[in-house]
Amino acid sequence: MLAEDAMSVERPIPDGRTTGFLIGYLEMLALVERLHRLMLDVIKDEFERIGLPELNPVQALLLYNIGDNEVTAGELKTRGYYQGSNVSYNLKKLVEYGYMHHQRCAIDRRAVRVRLTPRGRAVRDTLAALFARHAEGLQSGGLLERLAMEEITGGLRRVERYWGDQIRYIY
């Protein structure tokens, strides 16, 4: 669709009832995006502190999410471990740096299965410890109670399902 066409499409004007909700929804979206970027910065700082600057936060999260599983590159996205478009680049780098093993699948020679090396498991454990410290700090500091966290998580899961349905059923 051309830019002129996109601008000429009629959009419903929100009424007073939906305007407040729309504002809250947009604030939530912006906050989720900022939180994700902040989390990546926190991980980057942690890895710089412990002397692993070659590992970027996305790669570290990938190692954390894979954990003890053995997966193909395609499974990384379907399992929700990875959302980026450059998964092949990151996997290649993680293999080069010695954080992952890779092996061609016996059945489908095009697919490559990956799993963590001991070095990759050490990174996973480092992130697990970082997240545990954060959870403890949030809880002990009274910044977030368990019920509030469950409510937030439940709401975000409902948004995730809604967006997934939009992708599957509308387009």
C-alpha atoms as a PDB file:
ATOM      1  CA  MET A   1       0.000   0.000   0.000  1.00  0.00           C
ATOM      2  CA  LEU A   2       1.365   3.422  -0.931  1.00  0.00           C
ATOM      3  CA  ALA A   3       1.713   6.089   1.724  1.00  0.00           C
ATOM      4  CA  GLU A   4      -1.031   8.173   0.086  1.00  0.00           C
ATOM      5  CA  ASP A   5      -3.367   5.166   0.093  1.00  0.00           C
ATOM      6  CA  ALA A   6      -2.627   4.437   3.743  1.00  0.00           C
ATOM      7  CA  MET A   7      -3.471   7.998   4.707  1.00  0.00           C
ATOM      8  CA  SER A   8      -6.758   7.943   2.796  1.00  0.00           C
ATOM      9  CA  VAL A   9      -8.061   4.843   4.592  1.00  0.00           C
ATOM     10  CA  GLU A  10     -10.904   5.775   6.912  1.00  0.00           C
ATOM     11  CA  ARG A  11     -10.176   5.090  10.540  1.00  0.00           C
ATOM     12  CA  PRO A  12     -12.843   5.093  13.203  1.00  0.00           C
ATOM     13  CA  ILE A  13     -12.616   7.995  15.610  1.00  0.00           C
ATOM     14  CA  PRO A  14     -12.538   6.687  19.183  1.00  0.00           C
ATOM     15  CA  ASP A  15     -15.441   7.795  21.329  1.00  0.00           C
ATOM     16  CA  GLY A  16     -15.007   9.034  24.888  1.00  0.00           C
ATOM     17  CA  ARG A  17     -15.298   5.509  26.273  1.00  0.00           C
ATOM     18  CA  THR A  18     -12.451   4.074  24.202  1.00  0.00           C
ATOM     19  CA  THR A  19     -10.150   7.102  24.261  1.00  0.00           C
ATOM     20  CA  GLY A  20      -9.089   6.510  27.868  1.00  0.00           C
ATOM     21  CA  PHE A  21      -8.534   2.826  27.207  1.00  0.00           C
ATOM     22  CA  LEU A  22      -6.596   3.605  24.035  1.00  0.00           C
ATOM     23  CA  ILE A  23      -4.304   5.962  25.948  1.00  0.00           C
ATOM     24  CA  GLY A  24      -3.688   3.286  28.592  1.00  0.00           C
ATOM     25  CA  TYR A  25      -3.060   0.663  25.902  1.00  0.00           C
ATOM     26  CA  LEU A  26      -0.505   2.876  24.146  1.00  0.00           C
ATOM     27  CA  GLU A  27       1.207   3.610  27.468  1.00  0.00           C
ATOM     28  CA  MET A  28       1.389  -0.132  28.180  1.00  0.00           C
ATOM     29  CA  LEU A  29       2.926  -0.801  24.757  1.00  0.00           C
ATOM     30  CA  ALA A  30       5.553   1.897  25.255  1.00  0.00           C
ATOM     31  CA  LEU A  31       6.338   0.602  28.744  1.00  0.00           C
ATOM     32  CA  VAL A  32       6.758  -3.002  27.569  1.00  0.00           C
ATOM     33  CA  GLU A  33       9.149  -1.808  24.868  1.00  0.00           C
ATOM     34  CA  ARG A  34      11.155   0.328  27.330  1.00  0.00           C
ATOM     35  CA  LEU A  35      11.291  -2.518  29.858  1.00  0.00           C
ATOM     36  CA  HIS A  36      12.634  -4.890  27.223  1.00  0.00           C
ATOM     37  CA  ARG A  37      15.364  -2.431  26.226  1.00  0.00           C
ATOM     38  CA  LEU A  38      16.231  -1.798  29.885  1.00  0.00           C
ATOM     39  CA  MET A  39      16.460  -5.534  30.532  1.00  0.00           C
ATOM     40  CA  LEU A  40      18.902  -5.846  27.624  1.00  0.00           C
ATOM     41  CA  ASP A  41      20.959  -2.972  29.088  1.00  0.00           C
ATOM     42  CA  VAL A  42      21.007  -4.615  32.533  1.00  0.00           C
ATOM     43  CA  ILE A  43      22.204  -7.888  30.979  1.00  0.00           C
ATOM     44  CA  LYS A  44      24.849  -6.033  28.934  1.00  0.00           C
ATOM     45  CA  ASP A  45      26.141  -4.284  32.062  1.00  0.00           C
ATOM     46  CA  GLU A  46      26.276  -7.577  33.981  1.00  0.00           C
ATOM     47  CA  PHE A  47      28.263  -9.281  31.234  1.00  0.00           C
ATOM     48  CA  GLU A  48      30.676  -6.345  30.961  1.00  0.00           C
ATOM     49  CA  ARG A  49      31.185  -6.529  34.751  1.00  0.00           C
ATOM     50  CA  ILE A  50      32.033 -10.231  34.665  1.00  0.00           C
ATOM     51  CA  GLY A  51      34.253  -9.923  31.591  1.00  0.00           C
ATOM     52  CA  LEU A  52      32.136 -11.324  28.757  1.00  0.00           C
ATOM     53  CA  PRO A  53      31.856  -8.311  26.434  1.00  0.00           C
ATOM     54  CA  GLU A  54      31.812 -10.450  23.251  1.00  0.00           C
ATOM     55  CA  LEU A  55      28.396 -11.774  24.225  1.00  0.00           C
ATOM     56  CA  ASN A  56      25.502  -9.448  23.456  1.00  0.00           C
ATOM     57  CA  PRO A  57      22.333  -9.462  25.591  1.00  0.00           C
ATOM     58  CA  VAL A  58      20.196 -11.067  22.875  1.00  0.00           C
ATOM     59  CA  GLN A  59      22.677 -13.933  22.599  1.00  0.00           C
ATOM     60  CA  ALA A  60      22.793 -14.301  26.383  1.00  0.00           C
ATOM     61  CA  LEU A  61      18.985 -14.475  26.575  1.00  0.00           C
ATOM     62  CA  LEU A  62      18.997 -17.032  23.794  1.00  0.00           C
ATOM     63  CA  LEU A  63      21.361 -19.218  25.841  1.00  0.00           C
ATOM     64  CA  TYR A  64      19.219 -18.722  28.935  1.00  0.00           C
ATOM     65  CA  ASN A  65      16.003 -19.654  27.148  1.00  0.00           C
ATOM     66  CA  ILE A  66      17.425 -22.732  25.446  1.00  0.00           C
ATOM     67  CA  GLY A  67      18.689 -24.048  28.769  1.00  0.00           C
ATOM     68  CA  ASP A  68      19.030 -27.831  28.720  1.00  0.00           C
ATOM     69  CA  ASN A  69      16.977 -28.254  25.540  1.00  0.00           C
ATOM     70  CA  GLU A  70      18.293 -29.251  22.132  1.00  0.00           C
ATOM     71  CA  VAL A  71      16.492 -27.269  19.426  1.00  0.00           C
ATOM     72  CA  THR A  72      16.598 -26.332  15.759  1.00  0.00           C
ATOM     73  CA  ALA A  73      16.781 -22.732  14.622  1.00  0.00           C
ATOM     74  CA  GLY A  74      13.147 -22.961  13.511  1.00  0.00           C
ATOM     75  CA  GLU A  75      12.040 -24.173  16.936  1.00  0.00           C
ATOM     76  CA  LEU A  76      13.627 -21.142  18.584  1.00  0.00           C
ATOM     77  CA  LYS A  77      10.922 -18.922  17.147  1.00  0.00           C
ATOM     78  CA  THR A  78       7.997 -21.310  17.581  1.00  0.00           C
ATOM     79  CA  ARG A  79       8.902 -21.896  21.231  1.00  0.00           C
ATOM     80  CA  GLY A  80       9.142 -18.149  21.792  1.00  0.00           C
ATOM     81  CA  TYR A  81      12.868 -18.216  22.608  1.00  0.00           C
ATOM     82  CA  TYR A  82      13.813 -15.821  19.857  1.00  0.00           C
ATOM     83  CA  GLN A  83      11.987 -13.130  17.908  1.00  0.00           C
ATOM     84  CA  GLY A  84      14.743 -11.562  15.822  1.00  0.00           C
ATOM     85  CA  SER A  85      15.335 -12.010  12.127  1.00  0.00           C
ATOM     86  CA  ASN A  86      19.067 -12.661  12.490  1.00  0.00           C
ATOM     87  CA  VAL A  87      18.886 -15.924  14.424  1.00  0.00           C
ATOM     88  CA  SER A  88      21.381 -17.602  12.052  1.00  0.00           C
ATOM     89  CA  TYR A  89      23.973 -14.899  12.729  1.00  0.00           C
ATOM     90  CA  ASN A  90      23.593 -15.197  16.506  1.00  0.00           C
ATOM     91  CA  LEU A  91      23.725 -18.991  16.436  1.00  0.00           C
ATOM     92  CA  LYS A  92      26.841 -18.885  14.267  1.00  0.00           C
ATOM     93  CA  LYS A  93      28.528 -16.488  16.700  1.00  0.00           C
ATOM     94  CA  LEU A  94      27.535 -18.578  19.724  1.00  0.00           C
ATOM     95  CA  VAL A  95      29.030 -21.669  18.084  1.00  0.00           C
ATOM     96  CA  GLU A  96      32.204 -19.721  17.150  1.00  0.00           C
ATOM     97  CA  TYR A  97      32.585 -18.443  20.720  1.00  0.00           C
ATOM     98  CA  GLY A  98      32.114 -21.942  22.143  1.00  0.00           C
ATOM     99  CA  TYR A  99      28.779 -21.350  23.867  1.00  0.00           C
ATOM    100  CA  MET A 100      26.872 -23.863  21.720  1.00  0.00           C
ATOM    101  CA  HIS A 101      27.340 -27.146  19.914  1.00  0.00           C
ATOM    102  CA  HIS A 102      25.611 -27.624  16.588  1.00  0.00           C
ATOM    103  CA  GLN A 103      24.903 -30.754  14.614  1.00  0.00           C
ATOM    104  CA  ARG A 104      22.984 -31.483  11.416  1.00  0.00           C
ATOM    105  CA  CYS A 105      19.763 -33.436  11.932  1.00  0.00           C
ATOM    106  CA  ALA A 106      19.999 -37.036  10.770  1.00  0.00           C
ATOM    107  CA  ILE A 107      16.520 -36.960   9.199  1.00  0.00           C
ATOM    108  CA  ASP A 108      16.468 -33.459   7.677  1.00  0.00           C
ATOM    109  CA  ARG A 109      20.041 -32.547   6.693  1.00  0.00           C
ATOM    110  CA  ARG A 110      18.980 -28.912   6.159  1.00  0.00           C
ATOM    111  CA  ALA A 111      18.115 -28.467   9.838  1.00  0.00           C
ATOM    112  CA  VAL A 112      20.758 -27.907  12.492  1.00  0.00           C
ATOM    113  CA  ARG A 113      20.199 -28.815  16.129  1.00  0.00           C
ATOM    114  CA  VAL A 114      21.898 -26.713  18.800  1.00  0.00           C
ATOM    115  CA  ARG A 115      22.561 -27.238  22.489  1.00  0.00           C
ATOM    116  CA  LEU A 116      24.621 -25.444  25.111  1.00  0.00           C
ATOM    117  CA  THR A 117      28.228 -26.273  25.857  1.00  0.00           C
ATOM    118  CA  PRO A 118      29.469 -26.101  29.466  1.00  0.00           C
ATOM    119  CA  ARG A 119      30.485 -22.502  28.687  1.00  0.00           C
ATOM    120  CA  GLY A 120      26.944 -21.773  27.466  1.00  0.00           C
ATOM    121  CA  ARG A 121      25.464 -23.363  30.586  1.00  0.00           C
ATOM    122  CA  ALA A 122      27.683 -21.089  32.712  1.00  0.00           C
ATOM    123  CA  VAL A 123      26.176 -18.066  30.934  1.00  0.00           C
ATOM    124  CA  ARG A 124      22.683 -19.470  31.518  1.00  0.00           C
ATOM    125  CA  ASP A 125      23.502 -19.906  35.209  1.00  0.00           C
ATOM    126  CA  THR A 126      24.849 -16.346  35.408  1.00  0.00           C
ATOM    127  CA  LEU A 127      21.600 -14.979  33.991  1.00  0.00           C
ATOM    128  CA  ALA A 128      19.551 -17.209  36.303  1.00  0.00           C
ATOM    129  CA  ALA A 129      21.444 -15.760  39.265  1.00  0.00           C
ATOM    130  CA  LEU A 130      20.933 -12.198  37.980  1.00  0.00           C
ATOM    131  CA  PHE A 131      17.186 -12.758  37.582  1.00  0.00           C
ATOM    132  CA  ALA A 132      16.995 -14.355  41.043  1.00  0.00           C
ATOM    133  CA  ARG A 133      18.730 -11.284  42.551  1.00  0.00           C
ATOM    134  CA  HIS A 134      16.262  -9.023  40.751  1.00  0.00           C
ATOM    135  CA  ALA A 135      13.272 -11.027  41.981  1.00  0.00           C
ATOM    136  CA  GLU A 136      14.604 -10.923  45.531  1.00  0.00           C
ATOM    137  CA  GLY A 137      15.235  -7.170  45.322  1.00  0.00           C
ATOM    138  CA  LEU A 138      11.778  -6.432  43.957  1.00  0.00           C
ATOM    139  CA  GLN A 139      10.135  -8.577  46.608  1.00  0.00           C
ATOM    140  CA  SER A 140      12.209  -7.555  49.624  1.00  0.00           C
ATOM    141  CA  GLY A 141      12.057  -3.897  48.634  1.00  0.00           C
ATOM    142  CA  GLY A 142       8.272  -4.047  48.501  1.00  0.00           C
ATOM    143  CA  LEU A 143       8.309  -2.907  44.871  1.00  0.00           C
ATOM    144  CA  LEU A 144       6.160  -5.749  43.564  1.00  0.00           C
ATOM    145  CA  GLU A 145       4.034  -8.250  45.431  1.00  0.00           C
ATOM    146  CA  ARG A 146       3.313 -11.730  44.150  1.00  0.00           C
ATOM    147  CA  LEU A 147      -0.403 -11.141  43.511  1.00  0.00           C
ATOM    148  CA  ALA A 148       0.297  -7.924  41.610  1.00  0.00           C
ATOM    149  CA  MET A 149       2.915  -9.706  39.514  1.00  0.00           C
ATOM    150  CA  GLU A 150       0.468 -12.528  38.752  1.00  0.00           C
ATOM    151  CA  GLU A 151      -2.155  -9.973  37.707  1.00  0.00           C
ATOM    152  CA  ILE A 152       0.305  -8.151  35.422  1.00  0.00           C
ATOM    153  CA  THR A 153       1.515 -11.429  33.924  1.00  0.00           C
ATOM    154  CA  GLY A 154      -2.046 -12.605  33.353  1.00  0.00           C
ATOM    155  CA  GLY A 155      -2.942  -9.383  31.578  1.00  0.00           C
ATOM    156  CA  LEU A 156       0.125  -9.551  29.352  1.00  0.00           C
ATOM    157  CA  ARG A 157      -0.654 -13.193  28.492  1.00  0.00           C
ATOM    158  CA  ARG A 158      -4.144 -12.141  27.404  1.00  0.00           C
ATOM    159  CA  VAL A 159      -2.649  -9.429  25.171  1.00  0.00           C
ATOM    160  CA  GLU A 160      -0.234 -12.017  23.752  1.00  0.00           C
ATOM    161  CA  ARG A 161      -3.128 -14.360  22.929  1.00  0.00           C
ATOM    162  CA  TYR A 162      -5.128 -11.505  21.408  1.00  0.00           C
ATOM    163  CA  TRP A 163      -2.229 -10.449  19.176  1.00  0.00           C
ATOM    164  CA  GLY A 164      -1.592 -14.063  18.189  1.00  0.00           C
ATOM    165  CA  ASP A 165      -5.235 -14.404  17.205  1.00  0.00           C
ATOM    166  CA  GLN A 166      -4.974 -11.210  15.158  1.00  0.00           C
ATOM    167  CA  ILE A 167      -2.085 -12.670  13.200  1.00  0.00           C
ATOM    168  CA  ARG A 168      -3.675 -16.086  12.724  1.00  0.00           C
ATOM    169  CA  TYR A 169      -7.260 -15.142  11.952  1.00  0.00           C
ATOM    170  CA  ILE A 170      -7.397 -11.668  10.462  1.00  0.00           C
ATOM    171  CA  TYR A 171      -4.630 -11.559   7.896  1.00  0.00           C
END
